PDB file of N, CA and C in Angstrom:
ATOM      1  N   UNK A   1     143.191  73.210 121.829  1.00  0.00           N
ATOM      2  CA  UNK A   1     143.887  72.020 122.020  1.00  0.00           C
ATOM      3  C   UNK A   1     143.972  71.425 123.383  1.00  0.00           C
ATOM      4  N   UNK A   2     143.914  72.348 124.343  1.00  0.00           N
ATOM      5  CA  UNK A   2     143.994  72.082 125.762  1.00  0.00           C
ATOM      6  C   UNK A   2     142.651  71.328 125.963  1.00  0.00           C
ATOM      7  N   UNK A   3     141.334  71.595 125.402  1.00  0.00           N
ATOM      8  CA  UNK A   3     140.230  71.114 125.698  1.00  0.00           C
ATOM      9  C   UNK A   3     140.392  69.603 125.191  1.00  0.00           C
ATOM     10  N   UNK A   4     140.936  69.349 124.056  1.00  0.00           N
ATOM     11  CA  UNK A   4     141.064  68.064 123.340  1.00  0.00           C
ATOM     12  C   UNK A   4     142.198  67.436 124.153  1.00  0.00           C
ATOM     13  N   UNK A   5     143.109  67.655 124.697  1.00  0.00           N
ATOM     14  CA  UNK A   5     143.874  67.097 125.652  1.00  0.00           C
ATOM     15  C   UNK A   5     143.409  66.562 126.707  1.00  0.00           C
ATOM     16  N   UNK A   6     142.433  67.368 127.417  1.00  0.00           N
ATOM     17  CA  UNK A   6     141.568  66.950 128.652  1.00  0.00           C
ATOM     18  C   UNK A   6     140.526  65.901 128.165  1.00  0.00           C
ATOM     19  N   UNK A   7     139.751  66.156 127.185  1.00  0.00           N
ATOM     20  CA  UNK A   7     139.133  65.115 126.934  1.00  0.00           C
ATOM     21  C   UNK A   7     139.966  63.541 126.528  1.00  0.00           C
ATOM     22  N   UNK A   8     140.960  63.485 125.918  1.00  0.00           N
ATOM     23  CA  UNK A   8     141.747  62.305 125.790  1.00  0.00           C
ATOM     24  C   UNK A   8     142.256  61.916 127.007  1.00  0.00           C
ATOM     25  N   UNK A   9     142.539  62.665 128.117  1.00  0.00           N
ATOM     26  CA  UNK A   9     143.035  62.285 129.206  1.00  0.00           C
ATOM     27  C   UNK A   9     142.015  61.500 129.835  1.00  0.00           C
ATOM     28  N   UNK A  10     140.905  62.117 129.986  1.00  0.00           N
ATOM     29  CA  UNK A  10     139.703  61.661 130.479  1.00  0.00           C
ATOM     30  C   UNK A  10     139.168  60.024 130.074  1.00  0.00           C
ATOM     31  N   UNK A  11     139.121  60.178 128.865  1.00  0.00           N
ATOM     32  CA  UNK A  11     138.882  59.012 127.803  1.00  0.00           C
ATOM     33  C   UNK A  11     139.914  57.967 128.412  1.00  0.00           C
ATOM     34  N   UNK A  12     141.395  57.967 128.536  1.00  0.00           N
ATOM     35  CA  UNK A  12     142.072  57.320 128.981  1.00  0.00           C
ATOM     36  C   UNK A  12     141.909  56.768 130.532  1.00  0.00           C
ATOM     37  N   UNK A  13     141.601  57.604 131.421  1.00  0.00           N
ATOM     38  CA  UNK A  13     141.096  57.262 132.927  1.00  0.00           C
ATOM     39  C   UNK A  13     140.211  56.444 132.500  1.00  0.00           C
ATOM     40  N   UNK A  14     138.945  56.860 131.992  1.00  0.00           N
ATOM     41  CA  UNK A  14     137.772  55.956 132.017  1.00  0.00           C
ATOM     42  C   UNK A  14     138.004  54.750 131.435  1.00  0.00           C
ATOM     43  N   UNK A  15     139.140  54.265 130.388  1.00  0.00           N
ATOM     44  CA  UNK A  15     139.171  53.109 129.758  1.00  0.00           C
ATOM     45  C   UNK A  15     140.030  52.197 130.831  1.00  0.00           C
ATOM     46  N   UNK A  16     140.874  52.950 131.428  1.00  0.00           N
ATOM     47  CA  UNK A  16     141.608  52.376 132.504  1.00  0.00           C
ATOM     48  C   UNK A  16     140.735  51.705 133.629  1.00  0.00           C
ATOM     49  N   UNK A  17     139.562  52.552 134.122  1.00  0.00           N
ATOM     50  CA  UNK A  17     138.816  52.151 135.082  1.00  0.00           C
ATOM     51  C   UNK A  17     138.222  50.954 134.690  1.00  0.00           C
ATOM     52  N   UNK A  18     137.421  51.343 133.467  1.00  0.00           N
ATOM     53  CA  UNK A  18     136.446  50.096 132.987  1.00  0.00           C
ATOM     54  C   UNK A  18     137.286  48.693 132.957  1.00  0.00           C
ATOM     55  N   UNK A  19     138.333  48.801 132.294  1.00  0.00           N
ATOM     56  CA  UNK A  19     139.436  47.608 131.976  1.00  0.00           C
ATOM     57  C   UNK A  19     139.611  46.906 133.431  1.00  0.00           C
ATOM     58  N   UNK A  20     140.029  47.438 134.478  1.00  0.00           N
ATOM     59  CA  UNK A  20     140.550  47.153 135.609  1.00  0.00           C
ATOM     60  C   UNK A  20     138.967  46.563 136.208  1.00  0.00           C
ATOM     61  N   UNK A  21     137.936  47.410 136.451  1.00  0.00           N
ATOM     62  CA  UNK A  21     136.767  46.819 137.159  1.00  0.00           C
ATOM     63  C   UNK A  21     136.369  45.527 136.492  1.00  0.00           C
ATOM     64  N   UNK A  22     136.459  45.529 135.084  1.00  0.00           N
ATOM     65  CA  UNK A  22     136.001  44.420 134.266  1.00  0.00           C
ATOM     66  C   UNK A  22     137.035  42.955 134.698  1.00  0.00           C
ATOM     67  N   UNK A  23     138.151  43.284 134.817  1.00  0.00           N
ATOM     68  CA  UNK A  23     138.968  42.215 135.236  1.00  0.00           C
ATOM     69  C   UNK A  23     138.740  41.781 136.657  1.00  0.00           C
ATOM     70  N   UNK A  24     138.577  42.758 137.659  1.00  0.00           N
ATOM     71  CA  UNK A  24     138.266  42.374 138.880  1.00  0.00           C
ATOM     72  C   UNK A  24     137.221  41.479 139.040  1.00  0.00           C
ATOM     73  N   UNK A  25     136.049  42.061 138.343  1.00  0.00           N
ATOM     74  CA  UNK A  25     134.927  41.368 138.339  1.00  0.00           C
ATOM     75  C   UNK A  25     134.766  40.020 137.710  1.00  0.00           C
ATOM     76  N   UNK A  26     135.454  39.843 136.645  1.00  0.00           N
ATOM     77  CA  UNK A  26     135.684  38.342 136.154  1.00  0.00           C
ATOM     78  C   UNK A  26     136.675  37.565 137.359  1.00  0.00           C
ATOM     79  N   UNK A  27     137.469  38.147 137.769  1.00  0.00           N
ATOM     80  CA  UNK A  27     138.217  37.614 138.870  1.00  0.00           C
ATOM     81  C   UNK A  27     137.285  36.961 140.098  1.00  0.00           C
ATOM     82  N   UNK A  28     136.592  37.752 140.519  1.00  0.00           N
ATOM     83  CA  UNK A  28     135.565  37.242 141.675  1.00  0.00           C
ATOM     84  C   UNK A  28     134.297  36.431 141.223  1.00  0.00           C
ATOM     85  N   UNK A  29     134.395  36.109 139.800  1.00  0.00           N
ATOM     86  CA  UNK A  29     133.390  35.429 139.258  1.00  0.00           C
ATOM     87  C   UNK A  29     132.089  36.010 138.889  1.00  0.00           C
ATOM     88  N   UNK A  30     131.872  37.205 138.623  1.00  0.00           N
ATOM     89  CA  UNK A  30     130.736  37.748 137.994  1.00  0.00           C
ATOM     90  C   UNK A  30     130.923  38.092 136.578  1.00  0.00           C
ATOM     91  N   UNK A  31     129.724  37.951 136.103  1.00  0.00           N
ATOM     92  CA  UNK A  31     129.623  38.164 134.674  1.00  0.00           C
ATOM     93  C   UNK A  31     129.356  39.751 134.577  1.00  0.00           C
ATOM     94  N   UNK A  32     130.390  40.560 133.821  1.00  0.00           N
ATOM     95  CA  UNK A  32     130.019  41.754 133.553  1.00  0.00           C
ATOM     96  C   UNK A  32     130.153  42.149 132.056  1.00  0.00           C
ATOM     97  N   UNK A  33     129.885  43.282 131.555  1.00  0.00           N
ATOM     98  CA  UNK A  33     130.028  43.526 130.290  1.00  0.00           C
ATOM     99  C   UNK A  33     129.968  45.247 130.171  1.00  0.00           C
ATOM    100  N   UNK A  34     130.753  45.712 128.927  1.00  0.00           N
ATOM    101  CA  UNK A  34     130.682  46.938 128.878  1.00  0.00           C
ATOM    102  C   UNK A  34     131.228  47.183 127.278  1.00  0.00           C
ATOM    103  N   UNK A  35     131.067  48.197 126.680  1.00  0.00           N
ATOM    104  CA  UNK A  35     131.106  48.461 125.262  1.00  0.00           C
ATOM    105  C   UNK A  35     132.568  49.271 125.287  1.00  0.00           C
ATOM    106  N   UNK A  36     133.373  49.341 124.183  1.00  0.00           N
ATOM    107  CA  UNK A  36     134.923  49.319 124.096  1.00  0.00           C
ATOM    108  C   UNK A  36     134.960  51.162 124.567  1.00  0.00           C
ATOM    109  N   UNK A  37     134.123  51.898 124.646  1.00  0.00           N
ATOM    110  CA  UNK A  37     134.185  53.115 124.581  1.00  0.00           C
ATOM    111  C   UNK A  37     132.920  53.613 125.779  1.00  0.00           C
ATOM    112  N   UNK A  38     132.381  52.810 126.432  1.00  0.00           N
ATOM    113  CA  UNK A  38     131.159  52.773 127.243  1.00  0.00           C
ATOM    114  C   UNK A  38     131.401  53.521 128.459  1.00  0.00           C
ATOM    115  N   UNK A  39     130.750  54.376 129.174  1.00  0.00           N
ATOM    116  CA  UNK A  39     130.957  54.893 130.614  1.00  0.00           C
ATOM    117  C   UNK A  39     130.278  54.205 131.347  1.00  0.00           C
ATOM    118  N   UNK A  40     129.682  52.684 131.135  1.00  0.00           N
ATOM    119  CA  UNK A  40     128.814  52.082 131.770  1.00  0.00           C
ATOM    120  C   UNK A  40     129.319  50.514 131.970  1.00  0.00           C
ATOM    121  N   UNK A  41     129.325  50.114 133.002  1.00  0.00           N
ATOM    122  CA  UNK A  41     129.867  48.726 133.188  1.00  0.00           C
ATOM    123  C   UNK A  41     128.442  48.068 133.513  1.00  0.00           C
ATOM    124  N   UNK A  42     128.007  46.813 133.072  1.00  0.00           N
ATOM    125  CA  UNK A  42     126.698  46.085 133.263  1.00  0.00           C
ATOM    126  C   UNK A  42     127.107  44.736 134.041  1.00  0.00           C
ATOM    127  N   UNK A  43     126.515  44.645 135.238  1.00  0.00           N
ATOM    128  CA  UNK A  43     126.988  43.214 135.900  1.00  0.00           C
ATOM    129  C   UNK A  43     125.520  42.299 136.074  1.00  0.00           C
ATOM    130  N   UNK A  44     125.533  41.360 135.510  1.00  0.00           N
ATOM    131  CA  UNK A  44     124.537  40.360 135.840  1.00  0.00           C
ATOM    132  C   UNK A  44     124.164  40.106 137.101  1.00  0.00           C
ATOM    133  N   UNK A  45     122.907  39.897 137.584  1.00  0.00           N
ATOM    134  CA  UNK A  45     122.631  39.483 138.595  1.00  0.00           C
ATOM    135  C   UNK A  45     121.176  38.656 138.701  1.00  0.00           C
ATOM    136  N   UNK A  46     121.210  37.641 139.583  1.00  0.00           N
ATOM    137  CA  UNK A  46     119.921  37.095 139.866  1.00  0.00           C
ATOM    138  C   UNK A  46     118.846  37.703 140.444  1.00  0.00           C
ATOM    139  N   UNK A  47     118.812  38.559 141.361  1.00  0.00           N
ATOM    140  CA  UNK A  47     118.065  39.237 142.220  1.00  0.00           C
ATOM    141  C   UNK A  47     118.280  40.738 142.047  1.00  0.00           C
ATOM    142  N   UNK A  48     117.903  41.532 141.416  1.00  0.00           N
ATOM    143  CA  UNK A  48     118.495  42.908 141.262  1.00  0.00           C
ATOM    144  C   UNK A  48     118.296  43.508 142.471  1.00  0.00           C
ATOM    145  N   UNK A  49     116.826  43.590 142.997  1.00  0.00           N
ATOM    146  CA  UNK A  49     116.496  44.263 144.197  1.00  0.00           C
ATOM    147  C   UNK A  49     117.596  43.872 145.392  1.00  0.00           C
ATOM    148  N   UNK A  50     117.663  42.322 145.584  1.00  0.00           N
ATOM    149  CA  UNK A  50     118.418  42.271 146.625  1.00  0.00           C
ATOM    150  C   UNK A  50     119.960  42.646 146.680  1.00  0.00           C
ATOM    151  N   UNK A  51     120.333  42.546 145.239  1.00  0.00           N
ATOM    152  CA  UNK A  51     121.798  43.077 145.292  1.00  0.00           C
ATOM    153  C   UNK A  51     121.662  44.810 145.679  1.00  0.00           C
ATOM    154  N   UNK A  52     120.902  45.406 145.160  1.00  0.00           N
ATOM    155  CA  UNK A  52     120.739  46.852 145.392  1.00  0.00           C
ATOM    156  C   UNK A  52     120.477  47.086 146.814  1.00  0.00           C
ATOM    157  N   UNK A  53     119.712  46.446 147.582  1.00  0.00           N
ATOM    158  CA  UNK A  53     119.535  46.689 148.977  1.00  0.00           C
ATOM    159  C   UNK A  53     120.813  46.151 149.710  1.00  0.00           C
ATOM    160  N   UNK A  54     121.278  45.501 149.270  1.00  0.00           N
ATOM    161  CA  UNK A  54     122.630  44.758 149.678  1.00  0.00           C
ATOM    162  C   UNK A  54     123.756  45.951 149.915  1.00  0.00           C
ATOM    163  N   UNK A  55     123.760  46.363 148.573  1.00  0.00           N
ATOM    164  CA  UNK A  55     124.900  47.491 148.278  1.00  0.00           C
ATOM    165  C   UNK A  55     124.521  48.745 148.950  1.00  0.00           C
ATOM    166  N   UNK A  56     123.259  49.160 149.097  1.00  0.00           N
ATOM    167  CA  UNK A  56     123.124  50.366 149.656  1.00  0.00           C
ATOM    168  C   UNK A  56     123.328  50.514 151.325  1.00  0.00           C
ATOM    169  N   UNK A  57     123.062  48.924 151.715  1.00  0.00           N
ATOM    170  CA  UNK A  57     123.316  48.703 152.926  1.00  0.00           C
ATOM    171  C   UNK A  57     124.941  49.305 153.227  1.00  0.00           C
ATOM    172  N   UNK A  58     125.587  48.881 152.380  1.00  0.00           N
ATOM    173  CA  UNK A  58     127.157  49.231 152.738  1.00  0.00           C
ATOM    174  C   UNK A  58     127.785  50.698 152.069  1.00  0.00           C
ATOM    175  N   UNK A  59     126.400  51.551 151.838  1.00  0.00           N
ATOM    176  CA  UNK A  59     126.656  52.923 151.223  1.00  0.00           C
ATOM    177  C   UNK A  59     127.061  52.905 149.790  1.00  0.00           C
ATOM    178  N   UNK A  60     126.900  51.877 149.132  1.00  0.00           N
ATOM    179  CA  UNK A  60     127.319  51.866 147.825  1.00  0.00           C
ATOM    180  C   UNK A  60     126.091  52.037 146.901  1.00  0.00           C
ATOM    181  N   UNK A  61     125.817  53.101 145.884  1.00  0.00           N
ATOM    182  CA  UNK A  61     124.789  53.204 145.182  1.00  0.00           C
ATOM    183  C   UNK A  61     125.150  52.960 143.603  1.00  0.00           C
ATOM    184  N   UNK A  62     124.304  52.067 142.967  1.00  0.00           N
ATOM    185  CA  UNK A  62     124.555  51.865 141.868  1.00  0.00           C
ATOM    186  C   UNK A  62     123.282  51.626 141.218  1.00  0.00           C
ATOM    187  N   UNK A  63     123.181  51.739 139.710  1.00  0.00           N
ATOM    188  CA  UNK A  63     122.044  51.808 138.878  1.00  0.00           C
ATOM    189  C   UNK A  63     121.230  50.374 138.802  1.00  0.00           C
ATOM    190  N   UNK A  64     119.966  50.587 138.598  1.00  0.00           N
ATOM    191  CA  UNK A  64     119.054  49.396 138.193  1.00  0.00           C
ATOM    192  C   UNK A  64     119.037  49.126 136.744  1.00  0.00           C
ATOM    193  N   UNK A  65     119.110  47.976 136.312  1.00  0.00           N
ATOM    194  CA  UNK A  65     118.786  47.879 135.092  1.00  0.00           C
ATOM    195  C   UNK A  65     117.375  48.104 134.607  1.00  0.00           C
ATOM    196  N   UNK A  66     116.343  47.500 135.406  1.00  0.00           N
ATOM    197  CA  UNK A  66     115.017  47.747 135.234  1.00  0.00           C
ATOM    198  C   UNK A  66     114.567  49.108 135.253  1.00  0.00           C
ATOM    199  N   UNK A  67     115.648  50.090 135.607  1.00  0.00           N
ATOM    200  CA  UNK A  67     115.222  51.476 135.578  1.00  0.00           C
ATOM    201  C   UNK A  67     115.789  52.109 134.255  1.00  0.00           C
ATOM    202  N   UNK A  68     116.645  51.719 133.851  1.00  0.00           N
ATOM    203  CA  UNK A  68     117.547  52.083 132.708  1.00  0.00           C
ATOM    204  C   UNK A  68     116.714  51.804 131.307  1.00  0.00           C
ATOM    205  N   UNK A  69     116.010  50.615 130.924  1.00  0.00           N
ATOM    206  CA  UNK A  69     115.808  50.332 130.005  1.00  0.00           C
ATOM    207  C   UNK A  69     114.116  50.550 129.717  1.00  0.00           C
ATOM    208  N   UNK A  70     113.529  50.880 128.681  1.00  0.00           N
ATOM    209  CA  UNK A  70     112.226  51.000 128.270  1.00  0.00           C
ATOM    210  C   UNK A  70     111.534  49.689 128.690  1.00  0.00           C
ATOM    211  N   UNK A  71     111.991  48.561 128.059  1.00  0.00           N
ATOM    212  CA  UNK A  71     111.412  47.215 128.112  1.00  0.00           C
ATOM    213  C   UNK A  71     112.263  46.618 129.218  1.00  0.00           C
ATOM    214  N   UNK A  72     111.560  45.649 130.008  1.00  0.00           N
ATOM    215  CA  UNK A  72     112.446  44.795 130.990  1.00  0.00           C
ATOM    216  C   UNK A  72     113.617  44.170 130.668  1.00  0.00           C
ATOM    217  N   UNK A  73     114.739  43.999 131.061  1.00  0.00           N
ATOM    218  CA  UNK A  73     115.643  43.177 130.256  1.00  0.00           C
ATOM    219  C   UNK A  73     115.465  41.773 130.835  1.00  0.00           C
ATOM    220  N   UNK A  74     116.229  40.618 130.161  1.00  0.00           N
ATOM    221  CA  UNK A  74     115.942  39.326 130.232  1.00  0.00           C
ATOM    222  C   UNK A  74     116.503  38.959 131.710  1.00  0.00           C
ATOM    223  N   UNK A  75     117.571  39.431 132.220  1.00  0.00           N
ATOM    224  CA  UNK A  75     118.495  39.293 133.571  1.00  0.00           C
ATOM    225  C   UNK A  75     118.278  40.362 134.342  1.00  0.00           C
ATOM    226  N   UNK A  76     118.460  40.378 135.606  1.00  0.00           N
ATOM    227  CA  UNK A  76     118.851  41.410 136.406  1.00  0.00           C
ATOM    228  C   UNK A  76     120.188  41.921 136.024  1.00  0.00           C
ATOM    229  N   UNK A  77     120.282  43.127 136.151  1.00  0.00           N
ATOM    230  CA  UNK A  77     121.411  43.872 135.975  1.00  0.00           C
ATOM    231  C   UNK A  77     121.828  45.152 137.018  1.00  0.00           C
ATOM    232  N   UNK A  78     122.763  45.347 137.253  1.00  0.00           N
ATOM    233  CA  UNK A  78     123.439  46.688 137.937  1.00  0.00           C
ATOM    234  C   UNK A  78     124.002  47.352 136.986  1.00  0.00           C
ATOM    235  N   UNK A  79     123.951  48.559 137.080  1.00  0.00           N
ATOM    236  CA  UNK A  79     124.679  49.762 136.373  1.00  0.00           C
ATOM    237  C   UNK A  79     125.610  50.447 136.931  1.00  0.00           C
ATOM    238  N   UNK A  80     126.859  50.300 136.505  1.00  0.00           N
ATOM    239  CA  UNK A  80     127.902  51.121 137.270  1.00  0.00           C
ATOM    240  C   UNK A  80     128.553  52.195 136.298  1.00  0.00           C
ATOM    241  N   UNK A  81     128.782  53.373 136.919  1.00  0.00           N
ATOM    242  CA  UNK A  81     129.523  54.301 136.094  1.00  0.00           C
ATOM    243  C   UNK A  81     130.757  54.456 136.218  1.00  0.00           C
ATOM    244  N   UNK A  82     131.446  54.372 135.002  1.00  0.00           N
ATOM    245  CA  UNK A  82     132.840  54.413 135.306  1.00  0.00           C
ATOM    246  C   UNK A  82     133.694  55.595 135.553  1.00  0.00           C
ATOM    247  N   UNK A  83     132.788  56.669 135.278  1.00  0.00           N
ATOM    248  CA  UNK A  83     133.199  58.004 135.590  1.00  0.00           C
ATOM    249  C   UNK A  83     133.042  58.631 137.172  1.00  0.00           C
ATOM    250  N   UNK A  84     132.368  57.650 138.022  1.00  0.00           N
ATOM    251  CA  UNK A  84     132.266  57.837 139.359  1.00  0.00           C
ATOM    252  C   UNK A  84     133.316  56.873 140.195  1.00  0.00           C
ATOM    253  N   UNK A  85     134.182  55.923 139.579  1.00  0.00           N
ATOM    254  CA  UNK A  85     135.163  55.218 139.894  1.00  0.00           C
ATOM    255  C   UNK A  85     136.336  55.605 140.361  1.00  0.00           C
ATOM    256  N   UNK A  86     137.143  55.261 141.169  1.00  0.00           N
ATOM    257  CA  UNK A  86     138.320  55.590 141.567  1.00  0.00           C
ATOM    258  C   UNK A  86     139.472  55.172 140.492  1.00  0.00           C
ATOM    259  N   UNK A  87     140.671  55.628 140.415  1.00  0.00           N
ATOM    260  CA  UNK A  87     141.717  55.198 139.427  1.00  0.00           C
ATOM    261  C   UNK A  87     142.037  53.900 140.204  1.00  0.00           C
ATOM    262  N   UNK A  88     142.259  53.914 141.586  1.00  0.00           N
ATOM    263  CA  UNK A  88     143.204  52.930 142.093  1.00  0.00           C
ATOM    264  C   UNK A  88     142.708  51.404 142.009  1.00  0.00           C
ATOM    265  N   UNK A  89     143.510  50.616 141.712  1.00  0.00           N
ATOM    266  CA  UNK A  89     143.233  49.007 141.255  1.00  0.00           C
ATOM    267  C   UNK A  89     142.708  48.302 142.438  1.00  0.00           C
ATOM    268  N   UNK A  90     143.443  48.917 143.792  1.00  0.00           N
ATOM    269  CA  UNK A  90     143.291  48.012 144.965  1.00  0.00           C
ATOM    270  C   UNK A  90     141.696  48.236 145.172  1.00  0.00           C
ATOM    271  N   UNK A  91     141.353  49.596 145.174  1.00  0.00           N
ATOM    272  CA  UNK A  91     139.997  49.980 145.452  1.00  0.00           C
ATOM    273  C   UNK A  91     138.887  49.403 144.380  1.00  0.00           C
ATOM    274  N   UNK A  92     139.122  49.380 143.143  1.00  0.00           N
ATOM    275  CA  UNK A  92     138.540  48.616 142.352  1.00  0.00           C
ATOM    276  C   UNK A  92     138.299  46.977 142.693  1.00  0.00           C
ATOM    277  N   UNK A  93     139.309  46.413 143.447  1.00  0.00           N
ATOM    278  CA  UNK A  93     139.246  45.087 143.450  1.00  0.00           C
ATOM    279  C   UNK A  93     138.676  44.977 144.745  1.00  0.00           C
ATOM    280  N   UNK A  94     138.506  45.752 145.769  1.00  0.00           N
ATOM    281  CA  UNK A  94     137.827  45.812 146.975  1.00  0.00           C
ATOM    282  C   UNK A  94     136.191  45.944 146.480  1.00  0.00           C
ATOM    283  N   UNK A  95     135.880  46.858 145.666  1.00  0.00           N
ATOM    284  CA  UNK A  95     134.737  47.303 145.082  1.00  0.00           C
ATOM    285  C   UNK A  95     134.219  45.880 144.501  1.00  0.00           C
ATOM    286  N   UNK A  96     135.105  45.171 143.533  1.00  0.00           N
ATOM    287  CA  UNK A  96     134.414  43.927 143.126  1.00  0.00           C
ATOM    288  C   UNK A  96     134.043  42.989 144.061  1.00  0.00           C
ATOM    289  N   UNK A  97     135.069  42.736 145.220  1.00  0.00           N
ATOM    290  CA  UNK A  97     134.547  41.801 146.350  1.00  0.00           C
ATOM    291  C   UNK A  97     133.436  41.982 146.966  1.00  0.00           C
ATOM    292  N   UNK A  98     133.155  43.445 147.197  1.00  0.00           N
ATOM    293  CA  UNK A  98     131.671  44.017 147.604  1.00  0.00           C
ATOM    294  C   UNK A  98     130.789  43.532 146.939  1.00  0.00           C
ATOM    295  N   UNK A  99     130.793  43.642 145.551  1.00  0.00           N
ATOM    296  CA  UNK A  99     129.610  43.439 144.635  1.00  0.00           C
ATOM    297  C   UNK A  99     129.470  41.762 144.596  1.00  0.00           C
ATOM    298  N   UNK A 100     130.350  41.473 144.454  1.00  0.00           N
ATOM    299  CA  UNK A 100     130.247  39.769 144.670  1.00  0.00           C
ATOM    300  C   UNK A 100     129.664  39.256 145.765  1.00  0.00           C
ATOM    301  N   UNK A 101     130.132  40.061 146.593  1.00  0.00           N
ATOM    302  CA  UNK A 101     129.220  39.393 148.333  1.00  0.00           C
ATOM    303  C   UNK A 101     127.714  39.969 147.912  1.00  0.00           C
ATOM    304  N   UNK A 102     127.580  41.123 147.746  1.00  0.00           N
ATOM    305  CA  UNK A 102     126.022  41.462 147.447  1.00  0.00           C
ATOM    306  C   UNK A 102     125.216  40.593 146.599  1.00  0.00           C
ATOM    307  N   UNK A 103     125.645  40.336 145.324  1.00  0.00           N
ATOM    308  CA  UNK A 103     125.077  39.516 144.211  1.00  0.00           C
ATOM    309  C   UNK A 103     125.065  38.334 144.813  1.00  0.00           C
ATOM    310  N   UNK A 104     125.656  37.710 145.517  1.00  0.00           N
ATOM    311  CA  UNK A 104     125.453  36.527 146.194  1.00  0.00           C
ATOM    312  C   UNK A 104     124.628  36.235 147.024  1.00  0.00           C
ATOM    313  N   UNK A 105     124.299  37.598 147.857  1.00  0.00           N
ATOM    314  CA  UNK A 105     123.474  37.334 148.965  1.00  0.00           C
ATOM    315  C   UNK A 105     124.086  37.301 150.427  1.00  0.00           C
ATOM    316  N   UNK A 106     125.148  37.570 150.304  1.00  0.00           N
ATOM    317  CA  UNK A 106     125.940  37.499 151.630  1.00  0.00           C
ATOM    318  C   UNK A 106     126.233  38.604 152.413  1.00  0.00           C
ATOM    319  N   UNK A 107     125.528  39.775 152.060  1.00  0.00           N
ATOM    320  CA  UNK A 107     125.625  41.125 152.669  1.00  0.00           C
ATOM    321  C   UNK A 107     124.236  41.335 153.349  1.00  0.00           C
ATOM    322  N   UNK A 108     122.960  40.478 152.652  1.00  0.00           N
ATOM    323  CA  UNK A 108     121.712  40.866 153.063  1.00  0.00           C
ATOM    324  C   UNK A 108     121.550  39.950 154.441  1.00  0.00           C
ATOM    325  N   UNK A 109     120.834  40.980 155.167  1.00  0.00           N
ATOM    326  CA  UNK A 109     120.514  40.208 156.599  1.00  0.00           C
ATOM    327  C   UNK A 109     118.830  40.255 156.513  1.00  0.00           C
ATOM    328  N   UNK A 110     118.409  38.908 156.993  1.00  0.00           N
ATOM    329  CA  UNK A 110     116.793  38.887 157.112  1.00  0.00           C
ATOM    330  C   UNK A 110     116.738  38.632 158.522  1.00  0.00           C
ATOM    331  N   UNK A 111     115.126  39.226 158.852  1.00  0.00           N
ATOM    332  CA  UNK A 111     114.985  39.280 160.112  1.00  0.00           C
ATOM    333  C   UNK A 111     113.623  38.868 160.208  1.00  0.00           C
ATOM    334  N   UNK A 112     113.375  37.303 159.689  1.00  0.00           N
ATOM    335  CA  UNK A 112     112.032  36.601 159.861  1.00  0.00           C
ATOM    336  C   UNK A 112     112.012  35.611 160.316  1.00  0.00           C
TER     337      UNK A 112
END
């Protein structure tokens, strides 16, 4: 019974994190998707490499769509695990803003 309760509690936390992040991503104009019980949020990006590098420069590690699928997806995708997200909605809103800046290229520095 205790294990079942722990699993249900974790499911609720993950569902809340997923829903909050998806709402915040939509608020900042990003297209993101996730299944109803998924532990992953996918964010569409024009340039996956640029977004990954920009996020890494901010100390944020996310997954690459190219490295997740056997065949290359039609669009660039960032993969975010909801298990690694905080429960704090304000932090998720901040993360969404950082993700939006990275996706739009405003965090990337060019030296050429």
